[in-house]
Amino acid sequence: MTIPRGLGVILAFATVAALAWAQEPAKTAVSAAPEKTIDLTKIERKILREPDDYVGKKQQYCLLVFGPEAKFRVWLVHDADILYVDRNGDGRIGQRGERIVGNHTGHFQVGSILDNSNNMKHTSLFVTIDQNEGSLRILIGGKISQTAEFSPSEKPGDAPIVHLNGPVSLWLREPQEIKLDKAGQPSGVGPKNVLRRGRDVALSGFLETPGLNSFARYQPRDVLPKARLTIELQFSTKGADSARANGVMTHASFEGDFEMEGRVRVPDNAPLGQAELRVAFPENKEVSLVPPFVRKIRIYDK
């Protein structure tokens, strides 16, 4: 069961919140429950050679890493109306085919990138950099759509890291009770983390791979069977039995939307007062939760 589209608008909020959690290290396993993490902060952000004929006084930097273990790494360097793309990942900027001239709009059609760690060809890379904000879209393996947002830096050592073709994680918004009008129709949502027995809780979020000061979103239909995610909520408190509730999150219905939505009913035996809420995906072991979702919530009676 999905939340009416109107609630999706109520639940939406700024990208800045997502960037805050995106500084967490990314998981490395996609097809099974992650066993280890890759710490992106330990990746050396160093360029071996840069052009000596930069046009602008300042350049902007971003590092793209590909695959679960981030083995293949591609630098983006924005210089005035030029974008340098380290296509072969050797850390030497400005070789043949790596200099892309824009049209004074901040948009750059990069095209294909060949990941030499696994010989996978990624296509349709399109990069936009507007002052201190950047975004990109790409087809992983020529098939799977990913979009990313980042804030480019003025020094390579401070560059954001965008993790593409990485492990699938769900970034989940804080739960809110679905409010009903006199006719029993959804009319909005209540305060965050305040729930009620026997009432539905609104769930929404995105399938992403976190990077450093960035995130890269997946289209749910590209990484989940039928764009469907089973979800289990566990409500617990000290000195009382825990209660569980199951539900489903599905892809929003209109084209181009990356959001997943769903609702789960708070069980009648959920502990009252202060409690902890934990989230699991019993049928989707390939998906992790970032950051690990343990929320302090308050539960009231009906």
C-alpha atoms as a PDB file:
ATOM      1  CA  MET A   1       0.000   0.000   0.000  1.00  0.00           C
ATOM      2  CA  THR A   2       1.407   3.416  -0.940  1.00  0.00           C
ATOM      3  CA  ILE A   3       0.949   6.826   0.562  1.00  0.00           C
ATOM      4  CA  PRO A   4      -1.196   9.227  -1.520  1.00  0.00           C
ATOM      5  CA  ARG A   5       1.001  11.444  -3.609  1.00  0.00           C
ATOM      6  CA  GLY A   6      -0.024  14.508  -1.657  1.00  0.00           C
ATOM      7  CA  LEU A   7       1.705  13.153   1.415  1.00  0.00           C
ATOM      8  CA  GLY A   8       4.905  12.744  -0.555  1.00  0.00           C
ATOM      9  CA  VAL A   9       4.916  16.500  -1.027  1.00  0.00           C
ATOM     10  CA  ILE A  10       4.325  17.056   2.684  1.00  0.00           C
ATOM     11  CA  LEU A  11       7.214  14.739   3.538  1.00  0.00           C
ATOM     12  CA  ALA A  12       9.731  16.217   1.089  1.00  0.00           C
ATOM     13  CA  PHE A  13      12.541  18.390   2.419  1.00  0.00           C
ATOM     14  CA  ALA A  14      15.808  19.949   1.296  1.00  0.00           C
ATOM     15  CA  THR A  15      18.778  18.085  -0.134  1.00  0.00           C
ATOM     16  CA  VAL A  16      21.002  19.596   2.573  1.00  0.00           C
ATOM     17  CA  ALA A  17      19.668  17.072   5.088  1.00  0.00           C
ATOM     18  CA  ALA A  18      20.731  14.217   2.861  1.00  0.00           C
ATOM     19  CA  LEU A  19      24.220  15.639   2.495  1.00  0.00           C
ATOM     20  CA  ALA A  20      24.645  15.614   6.268  1.00  0.00           C
ATOM     21  CA  TRP A  21      24.369  11.837   6.539  1.00  0.00           C
ATOM     22  CA  ALA A  22      26.204  11.271   3.258  1.00  0.00           C
ATOM     23  CA  GLN A  23      29.537  11.727   5.024  1.00  0.00           C
ATOM     24  CA  GLU A  24      29.144   8.259   6.568  1.00  0.00           C
ATOM     25  CA  PRO A  25      31.368   5.470   5.108  1.00  0.00           C
ATOM     26  CA  ALA A  26      29.666   3.418   2.407  1.00  0.00           C
ATOM     27  CA  LYS A  27      28.943  -0.301   2.568  1.00  0.00           C
ATOM     28  CA  THR A  28      30.709  -2.575   0.086  1.00  0.00           C
ATOM     29  CA  ALA A  29      28.395  -5.561  -0.373  1.00  0.00           C
ATOM     30  CA  VAL A  30      25.392  -5.294  -2.694  1.00  0.00           C
ATOM     31  CA  SER A  31      24.048  -8.789  -3.184  1.00  0.00           C
ATOM     32  CA  ALA A  32      24.166  -9.845   0.462  1.00  0.00           C
ATOM     33  CA  ALA A  33      24.201  -8.329   3.924  1.00  0.00           C
ATOM     34  CA  PRO A  34      27.329  -6.138   4.194  1.00  0.00           C
ATOM     35  CA  GLU A  35      30.210  -7.691   6.137  1.00  0.00           C
ATOM     36  CA  LYS A  36      32.592  -4.734   6.036  1.00  0.00           C
ATOM     37  CA  THR A  37      32.706  -1.098   5.103  1.00  0.00           C
ATOM     38  CA  ILE A  38      34.905   0.950   2.860  1.00  0.00           C
ATOM     39  CA  ASP A  39      36.017   4.138   4.536  1.00  0.00           C
ATOM     40  CA  LEU A  40      35.971   6.750   1.804  1.00  0.00           C
ATOM     41  CA  THR A  41      37.861   9.182   4.023  1.00  0.00           C
ATOM     42  CA  LYS A  42      40.939   6.960   3.627  1.00  0.00           C
ATOM     43  CA  ILE A  43      40.970   7.327  -0.154  1.00  0.00           C
ATOM     44  CA  GLU A  44      43.878   9.569  -1.128  1.00  0.00           C
ATOM     45  CA  ARG A  45      42.477  12.576  -2.945  1.00  0.00           C
ATOM     46  CA  LYS A  46      45.559  13.505  -4.928  1.00  0.00           C
ATOM     47  CA  ILE A  47      46.035  14.410  -8.586  1.00  0.00           C
ATOM     48  CA  LEU A  48      49.327  13.315 -10.105  1.00  0.00           C
ATOM     49  CA  ARG A  49      49.431  15.913 -12.865  1.00  0.00           C
ATOM     50  CA  GLU A  50      47.318  18.921 -13.772  1.00  0.00           C
ATOM     51  CA  PRO A  51      47.323  21.155 -16.869  1.00  0.00           C
ATOM     52  CA  ASP A  52      49.589  24.209 -16.750  1.00  0.00           C
ATOM     53  CA  ASP A  53      47.217  26.252 -18.922  1.00  0.00           C
ATOM     54  CA  TYR A  54      44.152  26.579 -16.718  1.00  0.00           C
ATOM     55  CA  VAL A  55      41.933  29.481 -17.805  1.00  0.00           C
ATOM     56  CA  GLY A  56      40.308  30.425 -14.495  1.00  0.00           C
ATOM     57  CA  LYS A  57      41.954  31.727 -11.347  1.00  0.00           C
ATOM     58  CA  LYS A  58      40.379  28.925  -9.323  1.00  0.00           C
ATOM     59  CA  GLN A  59      39.393  25.381 -10.165  1.00  0.00           C
ATOM     60  CA  GLN A  60      36.762  23.095  -8.624  1.00  0.00           C
ATOM     61  CA  TYR A  61      37.306  19.425  -7.900  1.00  0.00           C
ATOM     62  CA  CYS A  62      35.208  16.276  -7.470  1.00  0.00           C
ATOM     63  CA  LEU A  63      36.252  12.613  -7.366  1.00  0.00           C
ATOM     64  CA  LEU A  64      34.041   9.873  -8.807  1.00  0.00           C
ATOM     65  CA  VAL A  65      34.614   6.313  -7.555  1.00  0.00           C
ATOM     66  CA  PHE A  66      33.018   3.249  -9.123  1.00  0.00           C
ATOM     67  CA  GLY A  67      32.061  -0.213  -7.873  1.00  0.00           C
ATOM     68  CA  PRO A  68      31.426  -1.691  -4.410  1.00  0.00           C
ATOM     69  CA  GLU A  69      35.099  -1.324  -3.443  1.00  0.00           C
ATOM     70  CA  ALA A  70      35.592   2.042  -5.185  1.00  0.00           C
ATOM     71  CA  LYS A  71      38.586   0.723  -7.143  1.00  0.00           C
ATOM     72  CA  PHE A  72      38.134   2.842 -10.277  1.00  0.00           C
ATOM     73  CA  ARG A  73      38.498   6.582  -9.663  1.00  0.00           C
ATOM     74  CA  VAL A  74      37.859   9.475 -12.020  1.00  0.00           C
ATOM     75  CA  TRP A  75      38.642  13.114 -11.298  1.00  0.00           C
ATOM     76  CA  LEU A  76      36.445  15.979 -12.466  1.00  0.00           C
ATOM     77  CA  VAL A  77      38.129  19.388 -12.617  1.00  0.00           C
ATOM     78  CA  HIS A  78      36.011  22.421 -13.466  1.00  0.00           C
ATOM     79  CA  ASP A  79      37.973  25.322 -14.951  1.00  0.00           C
ATOM     80  CA  ALA A  80      35.887  28.307 -16.096  1.00  0.00           C
ATOM     81  CA  ASP A  81      33.865  26.916 -19.040  1.00  0.00           C
ATOM     82  CA  ILE A  82      35.948  23.749 -19.292  1.00  0.00           C
ATOM     83  CA  LEU A  83      35.501  20.404 -17.575  1.00  0.00           C
ATOM     84  CA  TYR A  84      38.449  18.034 -17.378  1.00  0.00           C
ATOM     85  CA  VAL A  85      37.493  14.366 -16.968  1.00  0.00           C
ATOM     86  CA  ASP A  86      40.177  11.832 -16.025  1.00  0.00           C
ATOM     87  CA  ARG A  87      38.572   9.179 -18.245  1.00  0.00           C
ATOM     88  CA  ASN A  88      41.192   6.480 -17.739  1.00  0.00           C
ATOM     89  CA  GLY A  89      41.478   7.020 -13.988  1.00  0.00           C
ATOM     90  CA  ASP A  90      45.251   7.446 -13.970  1.00  0.00           C
ATOM     91  CA  GLY A  91      45.247  10.708 -12.000  1.00  0.00           C
ATOM     92  CA  ARG A  92      46.806  12.699 -14.865  1.00  0.00           C
ATOM     93  CA  ILE A  93      44.472  15.424 -16.004  1.00  0.00           C
ATOM     94  CA  GLY A  94      44.292  16.913 -19.487  1.00  0.00           C
ATOM     95  CA  GLN A  95      45.224  14.019 -21.742  1.00  0.00           C
ATOM     96  CA  ARG A  96      43.644  13.596 -25.163  1.00  0.00           C
ATOM     97  CA  GLY A  97      39.860  13.407 -24.986  1.00  0.00           C
ATOM     98  CA  GLU A  98      39.707  14.606 -21.385  1.00  0.00           C
ATOM     99  CA  ARG A  99      39.046  18.315 -22.038  1.00  0.00           C
ATOM    100  CA  ILE A 100      35.388  19.209 -22.588  1.00  0.00           C
ATOM    101  CA  VAL A 101      34.446  22.763 -23.530  1.00  0.00           C
ATOM    102  CA  GLY A 102      31.047  23.925 -22.334  1.00  0.00           C
ATOM    103  CA  ASN A 103      28.599  26.467 -23.696  1.00  0.00           C
ATOM    104  CA  HIS A 104      28.646  28.939 -20.782  1.00  0.00           C
ATOM    105  CA  THR A 105      25.731  27.202 -19.052  1.00  0.00           C
ATOM    106  CA  GLY A 106      27.676  24.958 -16.679  1.00  0.00           C
ATOM    107  CA  HIS A 107      26.462  21.852 -18.509  1.00  0.00           C
ATOM    108  CA  PHE A 108      28.947  19.291 -19.870  1.00  0.00           C
ATOM    109  CA  GLN A 109      28.126  16.266 -22.013  1.00  0.00           C
ATOM    110  CA  VAL A 110      30.869  13.821 -21.038  1.00  0.00           C
ATOM    111  CA  GLY A 111      29.592  10.621 -22.650  1.00  0.00           C
ATOM    112  CA  SER A 112      31.135   7.237 -21.846  1.00  0.00           C
ATOM    113  CA  ILE A 113      33.526   6.130 -19.117  1.00  0.00           C
ATOM    114  CA  LEU A 114      35.203   2.693 -19.201  1.00  0.00           C
ATOM    115  CA  ASP A 115      35.819   1.237 -15.746  1.00  0.00           C
ATOM    116  CA  ASN A 116      39.174  -0.498 -16.209  1.00  0.00           C
ATOM    117  CA  SER A 117      38.771  -2.424 -12.936  1.00  0.00           C
ATOM    118  CA  ASN A 118      36.002  -4.595 -14.410  1.00  0.00           C
ATOM    119  CA  ASN A 119      35.799  -3.504 -18.069  1.00  0.00           C
ATOM    120  CA  MET A 120      32.285  -2.100 -17.563  1.00  0.00           C
ATOM    121  CA  LYS A 121      31.261   0.764 -19.825  1.00  0.00           C
ATOM    122  CA  HIS A 122      29.166   3.513 -18.256  1.00  0.00           C
ATOM    123  CA  THR A 123      27.367   5.816 -20.661  1.00  0.00           C
ATOM    124  CA  SER A 124      25.543   9.136 -20.962  1.00  0.00           C
ATOM    125  CA  LEU A 125      27.495  10.929 -18.234  1.00  0.00           C
ATOM    126  CA  PHE A 126      26.203  14.488 -18.009  1.00  0.00           C
ATOM    127  CA  VAL A 127      27.685  16.915 -15.468  1.00  0.00           C
ATOM    128  CA  THR A 128      26.383  20.283 -14.297  1.00  0.00           C
ATOM    129  CA  ILE A 129      28.404  22.654 -12.116  1.00  0.00           C
ATOM    130  CA  ASP A 130      26.846  25.957 -11.118  1.00  0.00           C
ATOM    131  CA  GLN A 131      29.034  27.989  -8.775  1.00  0.00           C
ATOM    132  CA  ASN A 132      29.371  25.815  -5.645  1.00  0.00           C
ATOM    133  CA  GLU A 133      26.796  23.165  -6.546  1.00  0.00           C
ATOM    134  CA  GLY A 134      27.232  20.164  -8.799  1.00  0.00           C
ATOM    135  CA  SER A 135      25.116  17.330 -10.115  1.00  0.00           C
ATOM    136  CA  LEU A 136      25.438  14.499 -12.584  1.00  0.00           C
ATOM    137  CA  ARG A 137      23.519  11.713 -14.186  1.00  0.00           C
ATOM    138  CA  ILE A 138      24.872   8.506 -15.695  1.00  0.00           C
ATOM    139  CA  LEU A 139      23.803   5.101 -16.983  1.00  0.00           C
ATOM    140  CA  ILE A 140      25.736   2.426 -15.097  1.00  0.00           C
ATOM    141  CA  GLY A 141      26.687  -0.318 -17.526  1.00  0.00           C
ATOM    142  CA  GLY A 142      24.608   1.584 -20.065  1.00  0.00           C
ATOM    143  CA  LYS A 143      21.418   0.488 -18.277  1.00  0.00           C
ATOM    144  CA  ILE A 144      21.043   1.529 -14.637  1.00  0.00           C
ATOM    145  CA  SER A 145      20.248   5.176 -14.025  1.00  0.00           C
ATOM    146  CA  GLN A 146      21.985   7.063 -11.222  1.00  0.00           C
ATOM    147  CA  THR A 147      21.901  10.740 -10.344  1.00  0.00           C
ATOM    148  CA  ALA A 148      24.160  12.463  -7.847  1.00  0.00           C
ATOM    149  CA  GLU A 149      24.585  15.816  -6.145  1.00  0.00           C
ATOM    150  CA  PHE A 150      27.784  17.217  -4.676  1.00  0.00           C
ATOM    151  CA  SER A 151      29.528  20.418  -3.657  1.00  0.00           C
ATOM    152  CA  PRO A 152      32.845  20.782  -5.531  1.00  0.00           C
ATOM    153  CA  SER A 153      35.879  21.982  -3.596  1.00  0.00           C
ATOM    154  CA  GLU A 154      38.701  24.359  -4.468  1.00  0.00           C
ATOM    155  CA  LYS A 155      41.354  21.830  -3.426  1.00  0.00           C
ATOM    156  CA  PRO A 156      41.713  18.174  -4.470  1.00  0.00           C
ATOM    157  CA  GLY A 157      42.354  17.116  -0.877  1.00  0.00           C
ATOM    158  CA  ASP A 158      38.938  18.442   0.157  1.00  0.00           C
ATOM    159  CA  ALA A 159      37.059  17.116  -2.862  1.00  0.00           C
ATOM    160  CA  PRO A 160      33.695  15.404  -2.430  1.00  0.00           C
ATOM    161  CA  ILE A 161      33.612  11.731  -3.370  1.00  0.00           C
ATOM    162  CA  VAL A 162      30.660  10.498  -5.427  1.00  0.00           C
ATOM    163  CA  HIS A 163      30.245   6.715  -5.127  1.00  0.00           C
ATOM    164  CA  LEU A 164      28.686   5.265  -8.301  1.00  0.00           C
ATOM    165  CA  ASN A 165      27.702   1.651  -9.004  1.00  0.00           C
ATOM    166  CA  GLY A 166      28.057   1.111  -5.268  1.00  0.00           C
ATOM    167  CA  PRO A 167      26.027  -0.826  -2.707  1.00  0.00           C
ATOM    168  CA  VAL A 168      22.330  -0.087  -2.336  1.00  0.00           C
ATOM    169  CA  SER A 169      21.241   1.655   0.852  1.00  0.00           C
ATOM    170  CA  LEU A 170      17.933   3.124   1.912  1.00  0.00           C
ATOM    171  CA  TRP A 171      17.935   6.596   3.374  1.00  0.00           C
ATOM    172  CA  LEU A 172      14.716   6.727   5.376  1.00  0.00           C
ATOM    173  CA  ARG A 173      12.964   9.830   6.642  1.00  0.00           C
ATOM    174  CA  GLU A 174      11.846   9.985  10.239  1.00  0.00           C
ATOM    175  CA  PRO A 175       8.454   8.293  10.764  1.00  0.00           C
ATOM    176  CA  GLN A 176       5.280  10.348  11.138  1.00  0.00           C
ATOM    177  CA  GLU A 177       1.702   9.379  11.890  1.00  0.00           C
ATOM    178  CA  ILE A 178      -0.729   9.770   8.979  1.00  0.00           C
ATOM    179  CA  LYS A 179      -3.528  12.089  10.112  1.00  0.00           C
ATOM    180  CA  LEU A 180      -7.089  11.471   8.937  1.00  0.00           C
ATOM    181  CA  ASP A 181      -9.961  13.903   8.430  1.00  0.00           C
ATOM    182  CA  LYS A 182     -13.542  13.297   9.550  1.00  0.00           C
ATOM    183  CA  ALA A 183     -14.188  11.243   6.428  1.00  0.00           C
ATOM    184  CA  GLY A 184     -11.253   8.982   7.227  1.00  0.00           C
ATOM    185  CA  GLN A 185      -9.092  10.336   4.398  1.00  0.00           C
ATOM    186  CA  PRO A 186      -5.419  11.282   4.808  1.00  0.00           C
ATOM    187  CA  SER A 187      -5.088  14.980   5.585  1.00  0.00           C
ATOM    188  CA  GLY A 188      -1.420  15.330   6.545  1.00  0.00           C
ATOM    189  CA  VAL A 189       1.154  13.965   8.933  1.00  0.00           C
ATOM    190  CA  GLY A 190       1.891  14.459  12.621  1.00  0.00           C
ATOM    191  CA  PRO A 191       5.133  15.382  14.385  1.00  0.00           C
ATOM    192  CA  LYS A 192       8.263  13.379  13.618  1.00  0.00           C
ATOM    193  CA  ASN A 193       8.839  10.292  15.784  1.00  0.00           C
ATOM    194  CA  VAL A 194       5.467  10.610  17.562  1.00  0.00           C
ATOM    195  CA  LEU A 195       3.239   7.607  16.801  1.00  0.00           C
ATOM    196  CA  ARG A 196      -0.015   6.089  18.010  1.00  0.00           C
ATOM    197  CA  ARG A 197      -1.176   2.507  18.455  1.00  0.00           C
ATOM    198  CA  GLY A 198      -3.435   1.293  15.666  1.00  0.00           C
ATOM    199  CA  ARG A 199      -2.559   4.198  13.367  1.00  0.00           C
ATOM    200  CA  ASP A 200      -0.586   4.134  10.127  1.00  0.00           C
ATOM    201  CA  VAL A 201       2.927   5.560  10.027  1.00  0.00           C
ATOM    202  CA  ALA A 202       4.157   7.211   6.841  1.00  0.00           C
ATOM    203  CA  LEU A 203       7.482   5.971   5.471  1.00  0.00           C
ATOM    204  CA  SER A 204       9.424   7.491   2.606  1.00  0.00           C
ATOM    205  CA  GLY A 205      12.994   7.603   1.395  1.00  0.00           C
ATOM    206  CA  PHE A 206      15.463   6.979  -1.399  1.00  0.00           C
ATOM    207  CA  LEU A 207      17.712   4.147  -2.562  1.00  0.00           C
ATOM    208  CA  GLU A 208      21.202   5.597  -2.638  1.00  0.00           C
ATOM    209  CA  THR A 209      24.905   5.041  -2.238  1.00  0.00           C
ATOM    210  CA  PRO A 210      26.390   7.560   0.205  1.00  0.00           C
ATOM    211  CA  GLY A 211      29.681   9.237  -0.570  1.00  0.00           C
ATOM    212  CA  LEU A 212      31.591  12.049   1.065  1.00  0.00           C
ATOM    213  CA  ASN A 213      29.576  15.271   0.939  1.00  0.00           C
ATOM    214  CA  SER A 214      27.515  13.638  -1.800  1.00  0.00           C
ATOM    215  CA  PHE A 215      25.001  10.944  -2.556  1.00  0.00           C
ATOM    216  CA  ALA A 216      24.091   8.950  -5.682  1.00  0.00           C
ATOM    217  CA  ARG A 217      20.491   7.817  -6.072  1.00  0.00           C
ATOM    218  CA  TYR A 218      19.153   4.757  -7.866  1.00  0.00           C
ATOM    219  CA  GLN A 219      15.850   4.342  -9.633  1.00  0.00           C
ATOM    220  CA  PRO A 220      14.070   1.679  -7.504  1.00  0.00           C
ATOM    221  CA  ARG A 221      12.939  -0.260 -10.569  1.00  0.00           C
ATOM    222  CA  ASP A 222      16.596  -0.697 -11.596  1.00  0.00           C
ATOM    223  CA  VAL A 223      17.782  -2.371  -8.383  1.00  0.00           C
ATOM    224  CA  LEU A 224      14.711  -3.991  -6.768  1.00  0.00           C
ATOM    225  CA  PRO A 225      12.406  -6.696  -8.168  1.00  0.00           C
ATOM    226  CA  LYS A 226       9.144  -4.934  -9.069  1.00  0.00           C
ATOM    227  CA  ALA A 227      10.500  -1.778  -7.375  1.00  0.00           C
ATOM    228  CA  ARG A 228       9.192  -3.193  -4.089  1.00  0.00           C
ATOM    229  CA  LEU A 229      10.887  -3.234  -0.681  1.00  0.00           C
ATOM    230  CA  THR A 230       9.580  -5.243   2.269  1.00  0.00           C
ATOM    231  CA  ILE A 231      10.108  -3.502   5.576  1.00  0.00           C
ATOM    232  CA  GLU A 232       9.786  -4.582   9.206  1.00  0.00           C
ATOM    233  CA  LEU A 233       9.445  -2.199  12.126  1.00  0.00           C
ATOM    234  CA  GLN A 234      10.312  -3.323  15.643  1.00  0.00           C
ATOM    235  CA  PHE A 235       9.070  -1.285  18.615  1.00  0.00           C
ATOM    236  CA  SER A 236      10.838  -2.006  21.892  1.00  0.00           C
ATOM    237  CA  THR A 237      11.469  -0.644  25.367  1.00  0.00           C
ATOM    238  CA  LYS A 238      13.183  -1.955  28.495  1.00  0.00           C
ATOM    239  CA  GLY A 239      11.062  -4.240  30.627  1.00  0.00           C
ATOM    240  CA  ALA A 240       8.422  -4.906  27.965  1.00  0.00           C
ATOM    241  CA  ASP A 241       7.950  -7.296  25.059  1.00  0.00           C
ATOM    242  CA  SER A 242       8.777  -5.849  21.661  1.00  0.00           C
ATOM    243  CA  ALA A 243       6.161  -5.546  18.945  1.00  0.00           C
ATOM    244  CA  ARG A 244       6.665  -5.948  15.206  1.00  0.00           C
ATOM    245  CA  ALA A 245       4.829  -4.707  12.142  1.00  0.00           C
ATOM    246  CA  ASN A 246       5.458  -5.422   8.467  1.00  0.00           C
ATOM    247  CA  GLY A 247       4.747  -3.425   5.369  1.00  0.00           C
ATOM    248  CA  VAL A 248       5.876  -2.599   1.852  1.00  0.00           C
ATOM    249  CA  MET A 249       7.502   0.433   0.276  1.00  0.00           C
ATOM    250  CA  THR A 250       6.994   0.923  -3.450  1.00  0.00           C
ATOM    251  CA  HIS A 251       8.263   3.269  -6.115  1.00  0.00           C
ATOM    252  CA  ALA A 252       6.286   6.465  -6.643  1.00  0.00           C
ATOM    253  CA  SER A 253       4.002   6.170  -9.620  1.00  0.00           C
ATOM    254  CA  PHE A 254       5.185   8.929 -11.934  1.00  0.00           C
ATOM    255  CA  GLU A 255       8.129   8.859 -14.319  1.00  0.00           C
ATOM    256  CA  GLY A 256      11.423  10.295 -13.167  1.00  0.00           C
ATOM    257  CA  ASP A 257      10.711  10.141  -9.433  1.00  0.00           C
ATOM    258  CA  PHE A 258      13.301   8.345  -7.282  1.00  0.00           C
ATOM    259  CA  GLU A 259      11.261   8.247  -4.083  1.00  0.00           C
ATOM    260  CA  MET A 260       9.895   5.156  -2.363  1.00  0.00           C
ATOM    261  CA  GLU A 261       6.795   5.398  -0.188  1.00  0.00           C
ATOM    262  CA  GLY A 262       4.762   3.157   2.067  1.00  0.00           C
ATOM    263  CA  ARG A 263       2.886   2.863   5.320  1.00  0.00           C
ATOM    264  CA  VAL A 264       2.926   0.468   8.249  1.00  0.00           C
ATOM    265  CA  ARG A 265       0.335   0.233  11.014  1.00  0.00           C
ATOM    266  CA  VAL A 266       1.622   0.577  14.563  1.00  0.00           C
ATOM    267  CA  PRO A 267       0.571  -2.636  16.376  1.00  0.00           C
ATOM    268  CA  ASP A 268      -1.941  -2.476  19.215  1.00  0.00           C
ATOM    269  CA  ASN A 269       0.608  -4.058  21.563  1.00  0.00           C
ATOM    270  CA  ALA A 270       3.392  -1.567  20.825  1.00  0.00           C
ATOM    271  CA  PRO A 271       4.963  -0.324  24.090  1.00  0.00           C
ATOM    272  CA  LEU A 272       3.614   3.007  25.305  1.00  0.00           C
ATOM    273  CA  GLY A 273       5.767   6.005  26.123  1.00  0.00           C
ATOM    274  CA  GLN A 274       9.414   6.290  25.131  1.00  0.00           C
ATOM    275  CA  ALA A 275      10.505   3.443  22.865  1.00  0.00           C
ATOM    276  CA  GLU A 276      13.074   2.495  20.254  1.00  0.00           C
ATOM    277  CA  LEU A 277      12.197   1.908  16.622  1.00  0.00           C
ATOM    278  CA  ARG A 278      14.371  -0.395  14.535  1.00  0.00           C
ATOM    279  CA  VAL A 279      14.024  -1.128  10.819  1.00  0.00           C
ATOM    280  CA  ALA A 280      14.905  -4.277   8.883  1.00  0.00           C
ATOM    281  CA  PHE A 281      14.389  -5.618   5.354  1.00  0.00           C
ATOM    282  CA  PRO A 282      13.590  -9.341   5.794  1.00  0.00           C
ATOM    283  CA  GLU A 283      13.213 -10.059   2.063  1.00  0.00           C
ATOM    284  CA  ASN A 284      15.759  -7.615   0.679  1.00  0.00           C
ATOM    285  CA  LYS A 285      19.137  -8.578   2.129  1.00  0.00           C
ATOM    286  CA  GLU A 286      20.900  -6.633  -0.621  1.00  0.00           C
ATOM    287  CA  VAL A 287      19.709  -3.358   0.897  1.00  0.00           C
ATOM    288  CA  SER A 288      21.316  -1.777   3.951  1.00  0.00           C
ATOM    289  CA  LEU A 289      20.151   1.194   5.976  1.00  0.00           C
ATOM    290  CA  VAL A 290      22.231   4.367   6.087  1.00  0.00           C
ATOM    291  CA  PRO A 291      22.636   5.567   8.684  1.00  0.00           C
ATOM    292  CA  PRO A 292      21.583   2.549  10.793  1.00  0.00           C
ATOM    293  CA  PHE A 293      18.020   3.384  11.742  1.00  0.00           C
ATOM    294  CA  VAL A 294      17.403   3.298  15.484  1.00  0.00           C
ATOM    295  CA  ARG A 295      15.083   6.088  16.507  1.00  0.00           C
ATOM    296  CA  LYS A 296      13.898   7.248  19.903  1.00  0.00           C
ATOM    297  CA  ILE A 297      10.156   7.617  19.478  1.00  0.00           C
ATOM    298  CA  ARG A 298       7.094   8.206  21.652  1.00  0.00           C
ATOM    299  CA  ILE A 299       4.017   6.001  21.325  1.00  0.00           C
ATOM    300  CA  TYR A 300       0.564   6.946  22.566  1.00  0.00           C
ATOM    301  CA  ASP A 301      -2.560   4.864  22.935  1.00  0.00           C
ATOM    302  CA  LYS A 302      -5.342   5.117  20.370  1.00  0.00           C
END
